[in-house]
């Protein structure tokens, strides 16, 4: 059973930098893809919400829940 596609293998073998960087020749590609993903998460909105607004809201709720639990614990131990 073949575990690879010869077309994909040929494409990857033709990727530049094999002699100088070896396996790490794909890092610039992944760096650019990661930057594009980060850019899209910051700047693309769905309605009025984007990833960071949702994340900050969830973190604020987690902090409030933690403070409430601490206040209840202090109240119950008194």
PDB file of N, CA and C in Angstrom:
ATOM      1  N   UNK A   1       0.830  -1.178   0.000  1.00  0.00           N
ATOM      2  CA  UNK A   1       0.000   0.000   0.000  1.00  0.00           C
ATOM      3  C   UNK A   1       0.880   1.250   0.000  1.00  0.00           C
ATOM      4  N   UNK A   2       0.622   2.175  -0.925  1.00  0.00           N
ATOM      5  CA  UNK A   2       1.402   3.399  -0.998  1.00  0.00           C
ATOM      6  C   UNK A   2       0.923   4.391   0.058  1.00  0.00           C
ATOM      7  N   UNK A   3       1.877   4.984   0.738  1.00  0.00           N
ATOM      8  CA  UNK A   3       1.535   5.973   1.747  1.00  0.00           C
ATOM      9  C   UNK A   3       1.830   7.388   1.281  1.00  0.00           C
ATOM     10  N   UNK A   4       2.185   7.567   0.016  1.00  0.00           N
ATOM     11  CA  UNK A   4       2.463   8.896  -0.493  1.00  0.00           C
ATOM     12  C   UNK A   4       2.007   8.993  -1.938  1.00  0.00           C
ATOM     13  N   UNK A   5       1.815  10.207  -2.369  1.00  0.00           N
ATOM     14  CA  UNK A   5       1.403  10.489  -3.730  1.00  0.00           C
ATOM     15  C   UNK A   5       2.639  10.939  -4.515  1.00  0.00           C
ATOM     16  N   UNK A   6       2.953  10.320  -5.643  1.00  0.00           N
ATOM     17  CA  UNK A   6       4.166  10.700  -6.378  1.00  0.00           C
ATOM     18  C   UNK A   6       4.140  12.149  -6.859  1.00  0.00           C
ATOM     19  N   UNK A   7       2.969  12.699  -7.153  1.00  0.00           N
ATOM     20  CA  UNK A   7       2.892  14.095  -7.580  1.00  0.00           C
ATOM     21  C   UNK A   7       3.274  15.038  -6.437  1.00  0.00           C
ATOM     22  N   UNK A   8       2.791  14.717  -5.245  1.00  0.00           N
ATOM     23  CA  UNK A   8       3.141  15.531  -4.083  1.00  0.00           C
ATOM     24  C   UNK A   8       4.626  15.400  -3.780  1.00  0.00           C
ATOM     25  N   UNK A   9       5.150  14.185  -3.867  1.00  0.00           N
ATOM     26  CA  UNK A   9       6.577  13.948  -3.627  1.00  0.00           C
ATOM     27  C   UNK A   9       7.419  14.764  -4.610  1.00  0.00           C
ATOM     28  N   UNK A  10       7.028  14.787  -5.879  1.00  0.00           N
ATOM     29  CA  UNK A  10       7.760  15.527  -6.903  1.00  0.00           C
ATOM     30  C   UNK A  10       7.702  17.030  -6.611  1.00  0.00           C
ATOM     31  N   UNK A  11       6.519  17.518  -6.215  1.00  0.00           N
ATOM     32  CA  UNK A  11       6.378  18.933  -5.887  1.00  0.00           C
ATOM     33  C   UNK A  11       7.273  19.313  -4.708  1.00  0.00           C
ATOM     34  N   UNK A  12       7.273  18.497  -3.666  1.00  0.00           N
ATOM     35  CA  UNK A  12       8.089  18.791  -2.491  1.00  0.00           C
ATOM     36  C   UNK A  12       9.579  18.699  -2.784  1.00  0.00           C
ATOM     37  N   UNK A  13       9.971  17.781  -3.633  1.00  0.00           N
ATOM     38  CA  UNK A  13      11.386  17.659  -4.005  1.00  0.00           C
ATOM     39  C   UNK A  13      11.863  18.847  -4.825  1.00  0.00           C
ATOM     40  N   UNK A  14      10.961  19.491  -5.543  1.00  0.00           N
ATOM     41  CA  UNK A  14      11.329  20.641  -6.357  1.00  0.00           C
ATOM     42  C   UNK A  14      11.321  21.952  -5.575  1.00  0.00           C
ATOM     43  N   UNK A  15      10.870  21.929  -4.328  1.00  0.00           N
ATOM     44  CA  UNK A  15      10.845  23.134  -3.514  1.00  0.00           C
ATOM     45  C   UNK A  15      12.273  23.618  -3.301  1.00  0.00           C
ATOM     46  N   UNK A  16      12.562  24.903  -3.516  1.00  0.00           N
ATOM     47  CA  UNK A  16      13.949  25.386  -3.433  1.00  0.00           C
ATOM     48  C   UNK A  16      14.510  25.348  -2.018  1.00  0.00           C
ATOM     49  N   UNK A  17      15.839  25.256  -1.942  1.00  0.00           N
ATOM     50  CA  UNK A  17      16.538  25.302  -0.667  1.00  0.00           C
ATOM     51  C   UNK A  17      16.833  23.957  -0.058  1.00  0.00           C
ATOM     52  N   UNK A  18      16.674  22.877  -0.789  1.00  0.00           N
ATOM     53  CA  UNK A  18      16.861  21.539  -0.224  1.00  0.00           C
ATOM     54  C   UNK A  18      18.301  21.325   0.233  1.00  0.00           C
ATOM     55  N   UNK A  19      19.272  21.828  -0.542  1.00  0.00           N
ATOM     56  CA  UNK A  19      20.675  21.602  -0.191  1.00  0.00           C
ATOM     57  C   UNK A  19      21.112  22.450   1.002  1.00  0.00           C
ATOM     58  N   UNK A  20      20.629  23.674   1.075  1.00  0.00           N
ATOM     59  CA  UNK A  20      21.096  24.570   2.138  1.00  0.00           C
ATOM     60  C   UNK A  20      20.308  24.421   3.436  1.00  0.00           C
ATOM     61  N   UNK A  21      18.990  24.295   3.350  1.00  0.00           N
ATOM     62  CA  UNK A  21      18.159  24.279   4.556  1.00  0.00           C
ATOM     63  C   UNK A  21      17.629  22.897   4.921  1.00  0.00           C
ATOM     64  N   UNK A  22      17.632  21.979   3.982  1.00  0.00           N
ATOM     65  CA  UNK A  22      17.124  20.639   4.257  1.00  0.00           C
ATOM     66  C   UNK A  22      15.630  20.650   4.540  1.00  0.00           C
ATOM     67  N   UNK A  23      15.244  20.004   5.628  1.00  0.00           N
ATOM     68  CA  UNK A  23      13.840  19.911   5.990  1.00  0.00           C
ATOM     69  C   UNK A  23      13.268  21.278   6.362  1.00  0.00           C
ATOM     70  N   UNK A  24      14.117  22.181   6.843  1.00  0.00           N
ATOM     71  CA  UNK A  24      13.662  23.483   7.317  1.00  0.00           C
ATOM     72  C   UNK A  24      13.346  24.460   6.186  1.00  0.00           C
ATOM     73  N   UNK A  25      13.443  24.043   4.958  1.00  0.00           N
ATOM     74  CA  UNK A  25      13.172  24.933   3.826  1.00  0.00           C
ATOM     75  C   UNK A  25      11.701  25.327   3.743  1.00  0.00           C
ATOM     76  N   UNK A  26      10.832  24.646   4.451  1.00  0.00           N
ATOM     77  CA  UNK A  26       9.405  24.964   4.435  1.00  0.00           C
ATOM     78  C   UNK A  26       9.023  25.975   5.515  1.00  0.00           C
ATOM     79  N   UNK A  27       9.921  26.308   6.430  1.00  0.00           N
ATOM     80  CA  UNK A  27       9.606  27.231   7.515  1.00  0.00           C
ATOM     81  C   UNK A  27       9.137  28.603   7.033  1.00  0.00           C
ATOM     82  N   UNK A  28       9.770  29.217   6.025  1.00  0.00           N
ATOM     83  CA  UNK A  28       9.242  30.513   5.579  1.00  0.00           C
ATOM     84  C   UNK A  28       7.791  30.439   5.102  1.00  0.00           C
ATOM     85  N   UNK A  29       7.429  29.360   4.450  1.00  0.00           N
ATOM     86  CA  UNK A  29       6.055  29.186   4.002  1.00  0.00           C
ATOM     87  C   UNK A  29       5.101  29.139   5.196  1.00  0.00           C
ATOM     88  N   UNK A  30       5.457  28.363   6.222  1.00  0.00           N
ATOM     89  CA  UNK A  30       4.604  28.256   7.397  1.00  0.00           C
ATOM     90  C   UNK A  30       4.552  29.568   8.167  1.00  0.00           C
ATOM     91  N   UNK A  31       5.662  30.313   8.169  1.00  0.00           N
ATOM     92  CA  UNK A  31       5.678  31.614   8.817  1.00  0.00           C
ATOM     93  C   UNK A  31       4.694  32.558   8.133  1.00  0.00           C
ATOM     94  N   UNK A  32       4.700  32.586   6.822  1.00  0.00           N
ATOM     95  CA  UNK A  32       3.790  33.452   6.064  1.00  0.00           C
ATOM     96  C   UNK A  32       2.343  33.008   6.264  1.00  0.00           C
ATOM     97  N   UNK A  33       2.090  31.702   6.262  1.00  0.00           N
ATOM     98  CA  UNK A  33       0.727  31.216   6.488  1.00  0.00           C
ATOM     99  C   UNK A  33       0.238  31.572   7.893  1.00  0.00           C
ATOM    100  N   UNK A  34       1.112  31.472   8.882  1.00  0.00           N
ATOM    101  CA  UNK A  34       0.742  31.850  10.240  1.00  0.00           C
ATOM    102  C   UNK A  34       0.447  33.334  10.360  1.00  0.00           C
ATOM    103  N   UNK A  35       1.253  34.162   9.691  1.00  0.00           N
ATOM    104  CA  UNK A  35       1.017  35.604   9.712  1.00  0.00           C
ATOM    105  C   UNK A  35      -0.305  35.937   9.029  1.00  0.00           C
ATOM    106  N   UNK A  36      -0.620  35.257   7.941  1.00  0.00           N
ATOM    107  CA  UNK A  36      -1.890  35.490   7.247  1.00  0.00           C
ATOM    108  C   UNK A  36      -3.066  35.077   8.126  1.00  0.00           C
ATOM    109  N   UNK A  37      -2.936  33.976   8.838  1.00  0.00           N
ATOM    110  CA  UNK A  37      -3.997  33.544   9.744  1.00  0.00           C
ATOM    111  C   UNK A  37      -4.196  34.560  10.860  1.00  0.00           C
ATOM    112  N   UNK A  38      -3.105  35.039  11.443  1.00  0.00           N
ATOM    113  CA  UNK A  38      -3.199  36.040  12.508  1.00  0.00           C
ATOM    114  C   UNK A  38      -3.841  37.325  11.991  1.00  0.00           C
ATOM    115  N   UNK A  39      -3.447  37.757  10.810  1.00  0.00           N
ATOM    116  CA  UNK A  39      -4.018  38.956  10.207  1.00  0.00           C
ATOM    117  C   UNK A  39      -5.527  38.796  10.008  1.00  0.00           C
ATOM    118  N   UNK A  40      -5.925  37.627   9.524  1.00  0.00           N
ATOM    119  CA  UNK A  40      -7.350  37.403   9.291  1.00  0.00           C
ATOM    120  C   UNK A  40      -8.134  37.364  10.605  1.00  0.00           C
ATOM    121  N   UNK A  41      -7.545  36.806  11.656  1.00  0.00           N
ATOM    122  CA  UNK A  41      -8.244  36.751  12.940  1.00  0.00           C
ATOM    123  C   UNK A  41      -8.419  38.137  13.537  1.00  0.00           C
ATOM    124  N   UNK A  42      -7.478  39.039  13.263  1.00  0.00           N
ATOM    125  CA  UNK A  42      -7.567  40.392  13.798  1.00  0.00           C
ATOM    126  C   UNK A  42      -8.529  41.250  12.981  1.00  0.00           C
ATOM    127  N   UNK A  43      -8.455  41.161  11.672  1.00  0.00           N
ATOM    128  CA  UNK A  43      -9.134  42.131  10.818  1.00  0.00           C
ATOM    129  C   UNK A  43     -10.446  41.675  10.215  1.00  0.00           C
ATOM    130  N   UNK A  44     -10.740  40.410  10.170  1.00  0.00           N
ATOM    131  CA  UNK A  44     -11.993  39.954   9.572  1.00  0.00           C
ATOM    132  C   UNK A  44     -13.047  39.809  10.646  1.00  0.00           C
ATOM    133  N   UNK A  45     -14.162  40.492  10.432  1.00  0.00           N
ATOM    134  CA  UNK A  45     -15.261  40.446  11.390  1.00  0.00           C
ATOM    135  C   UNK A  45     -16.406  39.617  10.822  1.00  0.00           C
ATOM    136  N   UNK A  46     -17.078  38.906  11.704  1.00  0.00           N
ATOM    137  CA  UNK A  46     -18.313  38.220  11.367  1.00  0.00           C
ATOM    138  C   UNK A  46     -19.386  38.971  12.133  1.00  0.00           C
ATOM    139  N   UNK A  47     -20.149  39.769  11.418  1.00  0.00           N
ATOM    140  CA  UNK A  47     -21.062  40.686  12.096  1.00  0.00           C
ATOM    141  C   UNK A  47     -20.225  41.775  12.738  1.00  0.00           C
ATOM    142  N   UNK A  48     -20.306  41.884  14.055  1.00  0.00           N
ATOM    143  CA  UNK A  48     -19.479  42.851  14.783  1.00  0.00           C
ATOM    144  C   UNK A  48     -18.452  42.150  15.653  1.00  0.00           C
ATOM    145  N   UNK A  49     -18.228  40.884  15.422  1.00  0.00           N
ATOM    146  CA  UNK A  49     -17.356  40.104  16.289  1.00  0.00           C
ATOM    147  C   UNK A  49     -16.189  39.544  15.483  1.00  0.00           C
ATOM    148  N   UNK A  50     -15.010  39.587  16.087  1.00  0.00           N
ATOM    149  CA  UNK A  50     -13.871  38.873  15.529  1.00  0.00           C
ATOM    150  C   UNK A  50     -13.277  37.991  16.628  1.00  0.00           C
ATOM    151  N   UNK A  51     -12.220  37.288  16.321  1.00  0.00           N
ATOM    152  CA  UNK A  51     -11.657  36.324  17.255  1.00  0.00           C
ATOM    153  C   UNK A  51     -11.216  36.990  18.552  1.00  0.00           C
ATOM    154  N   UNK A  52     -10.521  38.122  18.459  1.00  0.00           N
ATOM    155  CA  UNK A  52      -9.956  38.725  19.658  1.00  0.00           C
ATOM    156  C   UNK A  52     -11.014  39.328  20.562  1.00  0.00           C
ATOM    157  N   UNK A  53     -12.083  39.868  20.002  1.00  0.00           N
ATOM    158  CA  UNK A  53     -13.164  40.367  20.853  1.00  0.00           C
ATOM    159  C   UNK A  53     -13.783  39.215  21.640  1.00  0.00           C
ATOM    160  N   UNK A  54     -13.982  38.092  20.980  1.00  0.00           N
ATOM    161  CA  UNK A  54     -14.539  36.913  21.641  1.00  0.00           C
ATOM    162  C   UNK A  54     -13.592  36.396  22.713  1.00  0.00           C
ATOM    163  N   UNK A  55     -12.313  36.354  22.412  1.00  0.00           N
ATOM    164  CA  UNK A  55     -11.315  35.865  23.372  1.00  0.00           C
ATOM    165  C   UNK A  55     -11.254  36.774  24.599  1.00  0.00           C
ATOM    166  N   UNK A  56     -11.206  38.087  24.390  1.00  0.00           N
ATOM    167  CA  UNK A  56     -11.132  39.009  25.515  1.00  0.00           C
ATOM    168  C   UNK A  56     -12.384  38.933  26.379  1.00  0.00           C
ATOM    169  N   UNK A  57     -13.538  38.765  25.765  1.00  0.00           N
ATOM    170  CA  UNK A  57     -14.784  38.642  26.528  1.00  0.00           C
ATOM    171  C   UNK A  57     -14.759  37.383  27.380  1.00  0.00           C
ATOM    172  N   UNK A  58     -14.298  36.267  26.796  1.00  0.00           N
ATOM    173  CA  UNK A  58     -14.244  35.006  27.542  1.00  0.00           C
ATOM    174  C   UNK A  58     -13.244  35.086  28.694  1.00  0.00           C
ATOM    175  N   UNK A  59     -12.111  35.741  28.472  1.00  0.00           N
ATOM    176  CA  UNK A  59     -11.125  35.900  29.541  1.00  0.00           C
ATOM    177  C   UNK A  59     -11.683  36.756  30.676  1.00  0.00           C
ATOM    178  N   UNK A  60     -12.411  37.822  30.344  1.00  0.00           N
ATOM    179  CA  UNK A  60     -13.020  38.664  31.366  1.00  0.00           C
ATOM    180  C   UNK A  60     -14.035  37.865  32.183  1.00  0.00           C
ATOM    181  N   UNK A  61     -14.827  37.045  31.516  1.00  0.00           N
ATOM    182  CA  UNK A  61     -15.789  36.201  32.237  1.00  0.00           C
ATOM    183  C   UNK A  61     -15.083  35.200  33.142  1.00  0.00           C
ATOM    184  N   UNK A  62     -13.983  34.629  32.680  1.00  0.00           N
ATOM    185  CA  UNK A  62     -13.220  33.688  33.514  1.00  0.00           C
ATOM    186  C   UNK A  62     -12.673  34.378  34.760  1.00  0.00           C
ATOM    187  N   UNK A  63     -12.183  35.608  34.618  1.00  0.00           N
ATOM    188  CA  UNK A  63     -11.659  36.345  35.767  1.00  0.00           C
ATOM    189  C   UNK A  63     -12.774  36.634  36.764  1.00  0.00           C
ATOM    190  N   UNK A  64     -13.935  37.049  36.266  1.00  0.00           N
ATOM    191  CA  UNK A  64     -15.069  37.315  37.158  1.00  0.00           C
ATOM    192  C   UNK A  64     -15.521  36.056  37.895  1.00  0.00           C
ATOM    193  N   UNK A  65     -15.576  34.938  37.187  1.00  0.00           N
ATOM    194  CA  UNK A  65     -15.966  33.681  37.835  1.00  0.00           C
ATOM    195  C   UNK A  65     -14.971  33.295  38.918  1.00  0.00           C
ATOM    196  N   UNK A  66     -13.695  33.482  38.635  1.00  0.00           N
ATOM    197  CA  UNK A  66     -12.664  33.146  39.618  1.00  0.00           C
ATOM    198  C   UNK A  66     -12.795  34.024  40.860  1.00  0.00           C
ATOM    199  N   UNK A  67     -13.052  35.315  40.663  1.00  0.00           N
ATOM    200  CA  UNK A  67     -13.222  36.224  41.800  1.00  0.00           C
ATOM    201  C   UNK A  67     -14.458  35.863  42.617  1.00  0.00           C
ATOM    202  N   UNK A  68     -15.547  35.480  41.946  1.00  0.00           N
ATOM    203  CA  UNK A  68     -16.752  35.086  42.660  1.00  0.00           C
ATOM    204  C   UNK A  68     -16.513  33.832  43.487  1.00  0.00           C
ATOM    205  N   UNK A  69     -15.795  32.862  42.913  1.00  0.00           N
ATOM    206  CA  UNK A  69     -15.496  31.647  43.672  1.00  0.00           C
ATOM    207  C   UNK A  69     -14.630  31.950  44.887  1.00  0.00           C
ATOM    208  N   UNK A  70     -13.647  32.827  44.730  1.00  0.00           N
ATOM    209  CA  UNK A  70     -12.797  33.200  45.861  1.00  0.00           C
ATOM    210  C   UNK A  70     -13.608  33.921  46.929  1.00  0.00           C
ATOM    211  N   UNK A  71     -14.512  34.814  46.512  1.00  0.00           N
ATOM    212  CA  UNK A  71     -15.355  35.527  47.473  1.00  0.00           C
ATOM    213  C   UNK A  71     -16.271  34.560  48.215  1.00  0.00           C
ATOM    214  N   UNK A  72     -16.830  33.572  47.526  1.00  0.00           N
ATOM    215  CA  UNK A  72     -17.687  32.581  48.171  1.00  0.00           C
ATOM    216  C   UNK A  72     -16.886  31.738  49.151  1.00  0.00           C
ATOM    217  N   UNK A  73     -15.666  31.374  48.761  1.00  0.00           N
ATOM    218  CA  UNK A  73     -14.824  30.561  49.621  1.00  0.00           C
ATOM    219  C   UNK A  73     -14.465  31.319  50.894  1.00  0.00           C
ATOM    220  N   UNK A  74     -14.144  32.610  50.759  1.00  0.00           N
ATOM    221  CA  UNK A  74     -13.806  33.422  51.917  1.00  0.00           C
ATOM    222  C   UNK A  74     -15.038  33.616  52.810  1.00  0.00           C
ATOM    223  N   UNK A  75     -16.195  33.822  52.174  1.00  0.00           N
ATOM    224  CA  UNK A  75     -17.433  34.010  52.902  1.00  0.00           C
ATOM    225  C   UNK A  75     -17.820  32.744  53.675  1.00  0.00           C
ATOM    226  N   UNK A  76     -17.646  31.600  53.044  1.00  0.00           N
ATOM    227  CA  UNK A  76     -18.039  30.346  53.702  1.00  0.00           C
ATOM    228  C   UNK A  76     -17.066  29.934  54.803  1.00  0.00           C
ATOM    229  N   UNK A  77     -15.819  30.357  54.702  1.00  0.00           N
ATOM    230  CA  UNK A  77     -14.838  29.987  55.740  1.00  0.00           C
ATOM    231  C   UNK A  77     -14.925  30.900  56.953  1.00  0.00           C
ATOM    232  N   UNK A  78     -15.603  32.051  56.827  1.00  0.00           N
ATOM    233  CA  UNK A  78     -15.721  32.987  57.954  1.00  0.00           C
ATOM    234  C   UNK A  78     -16.747  32.540  58.940  1.00  0.00           C
TER     235      UNK A  78
END
